[in-house]
C-alpha cells in the first residue's frame, strides 16, 4: 500500500479507470455478439442495425484507447464482409 498521498490517489484513479474500461469492453463485446448472432440467424435487417451499433462501439473504443486502431480496422472490415455475404 502506498504511503504518499499522490500515490494513494493514483491507486484510486487507476481502479476507477480500470472499472470503466471493463464496463466499456463488456458493452463492446455484447454489441459484437448481437451482430454475430444476427448474421448467424440470417436476419439482414437486424444485422444492418446491429452492424452500425457494433462499428460505432469499435470506433469509440479506439478513441478511448481500449482497442488499437489496426485491430479496430480489421474487425470493422470482417464485419462488413460478413454483412455483405449475407445478401
Protein backbone atom coordinates (compact mmCIF):
# COMPACT_ATOMS: atom_id res chain seq x y z
CA UNK A 1 0.00 0.00 0.00
CA UNK A 2 1.39 3.42 -0.87
CA UNK A 3 2.21 5.91 1.88
CA UNK A 4 2.40 9.09 -0.17
CA UNK A 5 -0.86 10.97 -0.75
CA UNK A 6 -0.41 11.32 -4.52
CA UNK A 7 0.41 7.62 -4.84
CA UNK A 8 -2.77 6.75 -2.92
CA UNK A 9 -4.76 8.93 -5.30
CA UNK A 10 -3.16 7.25 -8.34
CA UNK A 11 -4.20 3.83 -7.00
CA UNK A 12 -7.79 5.06 -6.56
CA UNK A 13 -7.89 6.66 -10.02
CA UNK A 14 -6.41 3.54 -11.64
CA UNK A 15 -9.06 1.33 -10.03
CA UNK A 16 -11.82 3.64 -11.26
CA UNK A 17 -10.44 3.78 -14.80
CA UNK A 18 -9.94 0.00 -14.88
CA UNK A 19 -13.58 -0.49 -13.91
CA UNK A 20 -14.74 1.95 -16.61
CA UNK A 21 -12.61 0.18 -19.23
CA UNK A 22 -14.04 -3.21 -18.19
CA UNK A 23 -17.59 -1.88 -18.43
CA UNK A 24 -17.00 -0.43 -21.88
CA UNK A 25 -15.22 -3.54 -23.13
CA UNK A 26 -18.11 -5.69 -21.90
CA UNK A 27 -20.63 -3.49 -23.73
CA UNK A 28 -18.47 -3.68 -26.85
CA UNK A 29 -18.38 -7.48 -26.72
CA UNK A 30 -22.15 -7.58 -26.19
CA UNK A 31 -22.81 -5.45 -29.28
CA UNK A 32 -20.45 -7.64 -31.33
CA UNK A 33 -22.23 -10.79 -30.11
CA UNK A 34 -25.60 -9.31 -31.11
CA UNK A 35 -24.25 -8.60 -34.59
CA UNK A 36 -22.78 -12.07 -34.97
CA UNK A 37 -25.98 -13.72 -33.79
CA UNK A 38 -27.99 -11.67 -36.31
CA UNK A 39 -25.60 -12.84 -39.05
CA UNK A 40 -25.94 -16.46 -37.90
CA UNK A 41 -29.74 -16.16 -37.91
CA UNK A 42 -29.65 -14.71 -41.43
CA UNK A 43 -31.71 -11.66 -40.46
CA UNK A 44 -30.42 -8.96 -42.80
CA UNK A 45 -32.44 -6.05 -41.34
CA UNK A 46 -31.34 -6.81 -37.78
CA UNK A 47 -27.78 -7.41 -38.95
CA UNK A 48 -27.62 -3.97 -40.57
CA UNK A 49 -28.81 -2.17 -37.45
CA UNK A 50 -26.51 -4.13 -35.15
CA UNK A 51 -23.63 -3.61 -37.61
CA UNK A 52 -23.98 0.16 -37.27
CA UNK A 53 -24.00 -0.16 -33.48
CA UNK A 54 -21.02 -2.51 -33.40
CA UNK A 55 -18.92 -0.35 -35.71
CA UNK A 56 -19.63 2.80 -33.71
CA UNK A 57 -18.71 0.98 -30.47
CA UNK A 58 -15.44 -0.19 -32.04
CA UNK A 59 -14.62 3.35 -33.17
CA UNK A 60 -15.34 4.71 -29.70
CA UNK A 61 -13.13 2.00 -28.18
CA UNK A 62 -10.26 3.25 -30.33
CA UNK A 63 -10.71 6.83 -29.16
CA UNK A 64 -10.84 5.67 -25.54
CA UNK A 65 -7.65 3.65 -26.01
CA UNK A 66 -9.30 0.28 -25.36
CA UNK A 67 -8.56 -1.12 -28.83
CA UNK A 68 -5.65 -0.50 -31.17
CA UNK A 69 -6.54 1.29 -34.39
CA UNK A 70 -5.37 -1.55 -36.64
CA UNK A 71 -7.30 -4.10 -34.57
CA UNK A 72 -10.44 -2.00 -34.94
CA UNK A 73 -9.94 -1.60 -38.68
CA UNK A 74 -9.57 -5.36 -39.05
CA UNK A 75 -12.72 -6.01 -37.01
CA UNK A 76 -14.78 -3.49 -38.99
CA UNK A 77 -13.55 -5.00 -42.26
CA UNK A 78 -14.50 -8.50 -41.13
CA UNK A 79 -17.95 -7.32 -40.07
CA UNK A 80 -18.53 -5.59 -43.40
CA UNK A 81 -17.52 -8.73 -45.30
CA UNK A 82 -19.85 -10.91 -43.23
CA UNK A 83 -22.72 -8.42 -43.67
CA UNK A 84 -22.19 -8.26 -47.44
CA UNK A 85 -22.00 -12.05 -47.74
CA UNK A 86 -25.48 -12.25 -46.17
CA UNK A 87 -27.21 -10.83 -49.24
